[in-house]
Amino acid sequence: MEEQALLECFELIMPWLNPAELATLSSTCKTLNHVSRSITAARTSDASRSFEKLPIPFINSSSDAQPYAYFLYTPSQILPSQSSLLRRQAWGFNNQDSTLLIPGRIVPYTAEESGCACESCGRECPCGAFLERSGMMNECGSGCGCGSDCGNRVTQRGVSVGLKIVRDGRKGWGLLAAQFIPKGQFVCEYAGRWLHIGELLTTEQARRRQRIYDDELSSGNRFAPALLVVREHLPSGKACLRMNIDGTRIGNVARFINHSCDGGNLLTVLVRSSGDLLPRLCFFASRNIKEDEELTFSYGDIIRIREEGLPCFCGCSSCFGVLPSENT
């Protein structure tokens, strides 16, 4: 009876452990080794921890024995104050309850009157607009009277297409389509942690963090940095708002989207929702995407900040041979 109670206790604790802790505990006895294998299988089967509508599995057929990449999952952006509450996250329960494991989305900033009063939003809704030349899109949000099933909230319902994360011997993990994705289809947003809400992360802070990530990556560690710099050009055209999203420790499946020097098959769009403080970076299919095709986009212009940049393995005919990096 005591042994059974102890086992049940371990089954509750072990999904909260990181891979190194899990490996240490699993080496102590066969029973815990069995529990550990069960948790690893559950983690491999769904990177999203049931936060998304469809499971997003890890697939590793390379010689690398790493079954999955460990990180904390958020389906949307979170603020630094929220990320401090998410130091650990259970992953691997047989019956995952995702409703209790993550802070909410970014809180509204503007007043409730800022949005529309539509009961059923259509083409005439004042919130809906896509400015193709600027790569920006507006949606209904927390300041609107419509509900979550509104047709003008395309990017707010999470991933709705089949995806999978596949390991490549050279590039590491990459995000692939698990089904046909038509042109214009919303794929996912780039979720992560806003590093500084006053300046949305200072330039020096971003540089310092990126240098740390680059050093870890170039040293050969199993490490996947996912720090993205976003610039939103204000309507006047005379100013640019710099935003920094770090999906390295806390993020979603978008952290696995690799670079392609030819621009890739994804279109990046800044989406502003009525009532929300910050825009969200969302990915749409820029063309029809076949099943099993890798999803890619351009990380930016090739600006080398040191003599030897990190190598690019995108494989396209126009490959520059080095990954883009920022010189700010």
Protein backbone atom coordinates (compact mmCIF):
# COMPACT_ATOMS: atom_id res chain seq x y z
CA MET A 1 0.00 0.00 0.00
CA GLU A 2 2.79 2.41 0.91
CA GLU A 3 4.70 1.49 -2.27
CA GLN A 4 1.62 2.19 -4.38
CA ALA A 5 1.11 5.57 -2.71
CA LEU A 6 4.77 6.41 -3.27
CA LEU A 7 4.52 5.45 -6.94
CA GLU A 8 1.45 7.64 -7.38
CA CYS A 9 3.36 10.49 -5.79
CA PHE A 10 6.26 10.06 -8.25
CA GLU A 11 3.80 9.91 -11.16
CA LEU A 12 2.53 13.35 -10.13
CA ILE A 13 6.00 14.84 -9.58
CA MET A 14 7.96 13.47 -12.53
CA PRO A 15 6.07 15.32 -15.33
CA TRP A 16 7.33 18.58 -13.76
CA LEU A 17 10.99 17.55 -14.17
CA ASN A 18 13.29 18.59 -17.01
CA PRO A 19 15.02 15.86 -19.07
CA ALA A 20 18.21 15.80 -16.96
CA GLU A 21 16.24 15.49 -13.71
CA LEU A 22 14.00 12.86 -15.25
CA ALA A 23 16.99 10.81 -16.40
CA THR A 24 18.59 10.96 -12.96
CA LEU A 25 15.44 9.77 -11.21
CA SER A 26 14.69 7.07 -13.78
CA SER A 27 18.10 5.49 -13.19
CA THR A 28 17.28 4.67 -9.56
CA CYS A 29 14.92 1.74 -10.20
CA LYS A 30 13.01 -0.12 -12.91
CA THR A 31 9.64 1.20 -11.82
CA LEU A 32 10.65 4.84 -12.14
CA ASN A 33 12.43 4.04 -15.39
CA HIS A 34 9.10 2.76 -16.71
CA VAL A 35 7.33 5.94 -15.56
CA SER A 36 10.05 8.02 -17.20
CA ARG A 37 9.66 6.21 -20.53
CA SER A 38 5.91 6.79 -20.39
CA ILE A 39 6.46 10.52 -19.81
CA THR A 40 9.00 10.71 -22.65
CA ALA A 41 6.53 9.01 -25.00
CA ALA A 42 3.80 11.49 -24.02
CA ARG A 43 6.12 14.45 -24.52
CA THR A 44 7.23 13.14 -27.92
CA SER A 45 3.62 12.73 -29.05
CA ASP A 46 2.64 16.38 -28.50
CA ALA A 47 4.91 19.39 -28.12
CA SER A 48 1.91 21.63 -27.37
CA ARG A 49 0.89 19.82 -24.15
CA SER A 50 -2.73 19.88 -25.43
CA PHE A 51 -2.78 23.69 -25.56
CA GLU A 52 -3.47 23.45 -29.31
CA LYS A 53 -6.44 21.79 -30.99
CA LEU A 54 -4.28 19.17 -32.69
CA PRO A 55 -1.28 17.26 -31.27
CA ILE A 56 2.08 18.34 -32.72
CA PRO A 57 4.48 15.38 -32.46
CA PHE A 58 8.27 15.24 -32.48
CA ILE A 59 9.76 12.90 -35.08
CA ASN A 60 13.44 12.03 -34.93
CA SER A 61 14.74 9.54 -37.49
CA SER A 62 18.32 10.88 -37.42
CA SER A 63 21.24 9.32 -35.57
CA ASP A 64 20.70 11.88 -32.81
CA ALA A 65 18.97 10.08 -29.94
CA GLN A 66 17.27 13.24 -28.66
CA PRO A 67 13.52 12.35 -28.70
CA TYR A 68 12.18 15.87 -28.09
CA ALA A 69 13.20 19.46 -27.40
CA TYR A 70 12.45 20.73 -23.91
CA PHE A 71 10.93 24.18 -23.39
CA LEU A 72 7.92 25.71 -21.64
CA TYR A 73 4.85 26.16 -23.83
CA THR A 74 2.69 29.24 -24.31
CA PRO A 75 0.17 29.49 -27.16
CA SER A 76 0.49 33.29 -27.25
CA GLN A 77 2.71 36.11 -26.04
CA ILE A 78 3.26 36.67 -22.35
CA LEU A 79 4.73 39.56 -20.40
CA PRO A 80 7.81 39.33 -18.15
CA SER A 81 5.59 39.49 -15.06
CA GLN A 82 3.69 36.46 -16.32
CA SER A 83 6.76 34.49 -17.37
CA SER A 84 8.17 34.75 -13.84
CA LEU A 85 5.24 32.60 -12.73
CA LEU A 86 6.08 29.93 -15.29
CA ARG A 87 9.34 28.49 -14.02
CA ARG A 88 8.13 24.91 -14.45
CA GLN A 89 5.36 23.28 -16.43
CA ALA A 90 3.99 19.77 -16.20
CA TRP A 91 4.48 17.83 -19.42
CA GLY A 92 3.75 14.15 -19.80
CA PHE A 93 0.62 13.50 -17.72
CA ASN A 94 -1.62 10.86 -19.23
CA ASN A 95 -4.56 13.25 -18.83
CA GLN A 96 -3.06 16.68 -19.34
CA ASP A 97 -5.12 19.54 -17.94
CA SER A 98 -3.79 22.49 -19.87
CA THR A 99 -6.12 25.04 -18.27
CA LEU A 100 -4.10 25.33 -15.07
CA LEU A 101 -0.56 25.41 -16.37
CA ILE A 102 -0.08 28.72 -18.11
CA PRO A 103 -0.66 32.44 -17.52
CA GLY A 104 -3.21 34.24 -19.66
CA ARG A 105 -2.67 36.28 -22.79
CA ILE A 106 -1.37 39.82 -22.66
CA VAL A 107 -3.85 41.94 -20.73
CA PRO A 108 -5.93 44.60 -22.53
CA TYR A 109 -4.47 48.08 -22.61
CA THR A 110 -7.07 50.36 -24.14
CA ALA A 111 -10.61 50.97 -22.93
CA GLU A 112 -13.49 48.66 -23.79
CA GLU A 113 -14.95 51.30 -26.12
CA SER A 114 -11.88 50.96 -28.39
CA GLY A 115 -13.32 47.99 -30.27
CA CYS A 116 -16.41 47.33 -32.35
CA ALA A 117 -19.95 46.87 -31.06
CA CYS A 118 -20.85 44.28 -33.70
CA GLU A 119 -22.87 41.26 -32.60
CA SER A 120 -21.78 39.38 -35.71
CA CYS A 121 -18.75 40.86 -37.46
CA GLY A 122 -18.66 40.95 -41.24
CA ARG A 123 -16.92 42.94 -43.94
CA GLU A 124 -18.24 46.21 -42.52
CA CYS A 125 -16.64 45.64 -39.10
CA PRO A 126 -14.32 48.60 -38.36
CA CYS A 127 -11.74 46.31 -36.73
CA GLY A 128 -11.01 44.21 -39.78
CA ALA A 129 -8.33 45.35 -42.18
CA PHE A 130 -5.27 43.91 -43.90
CA LEU A 131 -2.68 46.38 -45.14
CA GLU A 132 -0.72 44.25 -47.58
CA ARG A 133 2.02 46.80 -48.30
CA SER A 134 2.86 47.22 -44.62
CA GLY A 135 2.36 43.57 -43.67
CA MET A 136 -0.12 44.51 -40.95
CA MET A 137 -3.57 43.19 -40.07
CA ASN A 138 -6.27 44.27 -37.62
CA GLU A 139 -8.65 41.97 -35.77
CA CYS A 140 -11.36 42.18 -33.15
CA GLY A 141 -10.10 41.78 -29.62
CA SER A 142 -10.78 42.23 -25.94
CA GLY A 143 -12.17 45.72 -26.53
CA CYS A 144 -14.96 44.43 -28.81
CA GLY A 145 -18.50 43.31 -28.13
CA CYS A 146 -18.26 40.16 -30.25
CA GLY A 147 -17.34 36.73 -28.89
CA SER A 148 -14.41 34.37 -29.38
CA ASP A 149 -16.18 32.67 -32.30
CA CYS A 150 -16.11 35.92 -34.30
CA GLY A 151 -14.87 35.45 -37.86
CA ASN A 152 -12.56 38.42 -37.43
CA ARG A 153 -10.42 36.59 -34.84
CA VAL A 154 -8.64 34.20 -37.21
CA THR A 155 -5.30 34.24 -35.38
CA GLN A 156 -6.69 34.00 -31.86
CA ARG A 157 -7.84 30.38 -31.84
CA GLY A 158 -4.44 28.73 -31.96
CA VAL A 159 -3.03 26.23 -34.42
CA SER A 160 -5.76 24.63 -36.54
CA VAL A 161 -3.63 22.87 -39.20
CA GLY A 162 -1.67 19.64 -38.85
CA LEU A 163 2.00 20.23 -38.02
CA LYS A 164 4.94 18.09 -36.92
CA ILE A 165 8.43 18.79 -35.62
CA VAL A 166 11.09 16.76 -37.43
CA ARG A 167 14.79 16.40 -36.61
CA ASP A 168 17.33 17.00 -39.37
CA GLY A 169 20.95 15.94 -39.00
CA ARG A 170 22.29 19.36 -40.05
CA LYS A 171 19.58 21.91 -39.25
CA GLY A 172 18.29 20.36 -36.06
CA TRP A 173 14.55 20.54 -35.40
CA GLY A 174 12.26 21.98 -38.06
CA LEU A 175 8.50 22.51 -38.39
CA LEU A 176 6.81 20.62 -41.22
CA ALA A 177 3.27 20.51 -42.59
CA ALA A 178 1.43 17.32 -41.63
CA GLN A 179 -1.28 18.12 -44.18
CA PHE A 180 -1.86 20.25 -47.25
CA ILE A 181 -2.00 23.95 -46.27
CA PRO A 182 -3.64 26.29 -48.80
CA LYS A 183 -2.28 29.73 -49.65
CA GLY A 184 -3.49 32.37 -47.19
CA GLN A 185 -4.16 29.90 -44.37
CA PHE A 186 -3.19 31.06 -40.88
CA VAL A 187 -0.53 28.67 -39.51
CA CYS A 188 0.58 29.94 -36.10
CA GLU A 189 1.81 32.99 -34.25
CA TYR A 190 5.32 33.51 -32.90
CA ALA A 191 4.71 33.13 -29.18
CA GLY A 192 7.21 33.87 -26.47
CA ARG A 193 8.16 36.33 -23.79
CA TRP A 194 8.29 40.07 -24.27
CA LEU A 195 11.53 40.82 -22.50
CA HIS A 196 10.91 44.41 -21.42
CA ILE A 197 7.55 46.13 -21.49
CA GLY A 198 8.85 49.72 -21.17
CA GLU A 199 11.04 49.64 -24.26
CA LEU A 200 9.99 46.10 -25.20
CA LEU A 201 13.62 45.19 -24.48
CA THR A 202 16.46 47.61 -24.94
CA THR A 203 18.81 47.19 -27.86
CA GLU A 204 21.75 46.41 -25.60
CA GLN A 205 19.69 43.85 -23.69
CA ALA A 206 18.77 42.09 -26.93
CA ARG A 207 22.39 42.16 -28.13
CA ARG A 208 23.64 40.72 -24.87
CA ARG A 209 21.11 37.91 -24.85
CA GLN A 210 21.73 37.07 -28.51
CA ARG A 211 25.49 36.92 -27.90
CA ILE A 212 24.90 34.41 -25.10
CA TYR A 213 22.67 32.32 -27.37
CA ASP A 214 25.13 32.47 -30.29
CA ASP A 215 28.02 31.40 -28.04
CA GLU A 216 26.05 28.43 -26.73
CA LEU A 217 25.04 27.43 -30.25
CA SER A 218 28.54 27.73 -31.72
CA SER A 219 30.00 25.70 -28.84
CA GLY A 220 28.14 22.65 -30.09
CA ASN A 221 25.58 22.48 -27.28
CA ARG A 222 22.11 21.11 -27.95
CA PHE A 223 20.60 24.54 -27.88
CA ALA A 224 17.97 26.25 -30.03
CA PRO A 225 17.89 30.05 -29.57
CA ALA A 226 14.65 31.71 -30.66
CA LEU A 227 15.08 35.44 -30.09
CA LEU A 228 13.16 37.39 -32.73
CA VAL A 229 13.41 41.14 -33.33
CA VAL A 230 10.27 42.73 -34.81
CA ARG A 231 10.00 46.28 -36.11
CA GLU A 232 6.64 47.97 -36.56
CA HIS A 233 6.76 51.09 -38.71
CA LEU A 234 4.34 53.67 -37.42
CA PRO A 235 1.79 55.26 -39.83
CA SER A 236 3.84 58.44 -40.17
CA GLY A 237 6.70 56.39 -41.60
CA LYS A 238 9.12 58.47 -39.54
CA ALA A 239 9.35 56.18 -36.54
CA CYS A 240 9.81 52.48 -35.92
CA LEU A 241 8.75 50.55 -32.83
CA ARG A 242 11.23 47.80 -31.99
CA MET A 243 9.87 44.70 -30.24
CA ASN A 244 11.75 41.64 -29.07
CA ILE A 245 10.13 38.25 -28.51
CA ASP A 246 12.19 35.50 -26.89
CA GLY A 247 10.80 32.01 -27.49
CA THR A 248 13.96 30.22 -26.35
CA ARG A 249 12.83 29.14 -22.87
CA ILE A 250 9.11 29.88 -23.18
CA GLY A 251 7.49 29.69 -26.60
CA ASN A 252 5.38 27.64 -29.00
CA VAL A 253 5.91 25.56 -32.14
CA ALA A 254 6.93 28.65 -34.16
CA ARG A 255 10.33 28.48 -32.43
CA PHE A 256 11.10 25.51 -34.71
CA ILE A 257 10.52 27.37 -37.99
CA ASN A 258 13.85 27.54 -39.81
CA HIS A 259 15.25 30.25 -42.08
CA SER A 260 15.26 30.13 -45.86
CA CYS A 261 17.30 32.56 -47.93
CA ASP A 262 14.65 32.56 -50.69
CA GLY A 263 11.98 33.89 -48.33
CA GLY A 264 10.40 30.51 -47.58
CA ASN A 265 6.72 29.61 -47.80
CA LEU A 266 5.40 31.66 -44.88
CA LEU A 267 4.30 35.28 -44.82
CA THR A 268 4.89 37.23 -41.58
CA VAL A 269 2.07 39.59 -40.57
CA LEU A 270 1.85 41.89 -37.56
CA VAL A 271 -1.64 41.50 -36.14
CA ARG A 272 -3.19 44.10 -33.85
CA SER A 273 -6.29 43.12 -31.89
CA SER A 274 -8.59 45.87 -30.59
CA GLY A 275 -7.95 46.46 -26.92
CA ASP A 276 -4.55 44.74 -26.79
CA LEU A 277 -1.39 46.59 -25.87
CA LEU A 278 0.99 44.85 -28.29
CA PRO A 279 0.76 43.39 -31.80
CA ARG A 280 1.40 39.71 -32.43
CA LEU A 281 3.62 38.28 -35.16
CA CYS A 282 1.64 35.70 -37.12
CA PHE A 283 2.52 33.33 -39.96
CA PHE A 284 0.31 32.70 -43.00
CA ALA A 285 0.99 30.40 -45.94
CA SER A 286 2.41 32.53 -48.76
CA ARG A 287 1.61 29.77 -51.26
CA ASN A 288 0.12 26.29 -51.29
CA ILE A 289 2.20 24.06 -49.01
CA LYS A 290 2.37 20.32 -49.58
CA GLU A 291 2.14 17.70 -46.86
CA ASP A 292 5.61 16.91 -45.42
CA GLU A 293 7.03 20.20 -46.72
CA GLU A 294 9.13 22.19 -44.26
CA LEU A 295 7.75 25.56 -43.15
CA THR A 296 10.30 28.37 -43.48
CA PHE A 297 10.57 32.15 -43.64
CA SER A 298 13.36 34.68 -44.01
CA TYR A 299 14.92 35.76 -40.72
CA GLY A 300 15.90 39.06 -42.37
CA ASP A 301 18.64 40.64 -44.44
CA ILE A 302 22.10 39.10 -44.29
CA ILE A 303 24.06 41.41 -42.00
CA ARG A 304 27.14 39.79 -40.54
CA ILE A 305 28.19 41.14 -37.17
CA ARG A 306 31.37 39.07 -37.06
CA GLU A 307 33.74 37.59 -39.57
CA GLU A 308 32.27 34.10 -39.28
CA GLY A 309 28.49 33.98 -39.01
CA LEU A 310 26.47 30.91 -38.09
CA PRO A 311 26.14 28.58 -41.12
CA CYS A 312 22.88 28.35 -43.04
CA PHE A 313 21.67 24.94 -44.23
CA CYS A 314 18.44 26.01 -45.94
CA GLY A 315 19.54 24.32 -49.16
CA CYS A 316 17.87 26.74 -51.58
CA SER A 317 19.64 27.80 -54.77
CA SER A 318 20.03 31.36 -53.49
CA CYS A 319 21.50 30.37 -50.10
CA PHE A 320 24.01 32.90 -48.74
CA GLY A 321 25.69 30.23 -46.61
CA VAL A 322 25.28 32.24 -43.38
CA LEU A 323 22.26 32.95 -41.19
CA PRO A 324 21.02 36.54 -40.93
CA SER A 325 22.00 38.41 -37.79
CA GLU A 326 21.29 41.89 -36.61
CA ASN A 327 23.72 44.78 -36.43
CA THR A 328 21.98 47.39 -34.27
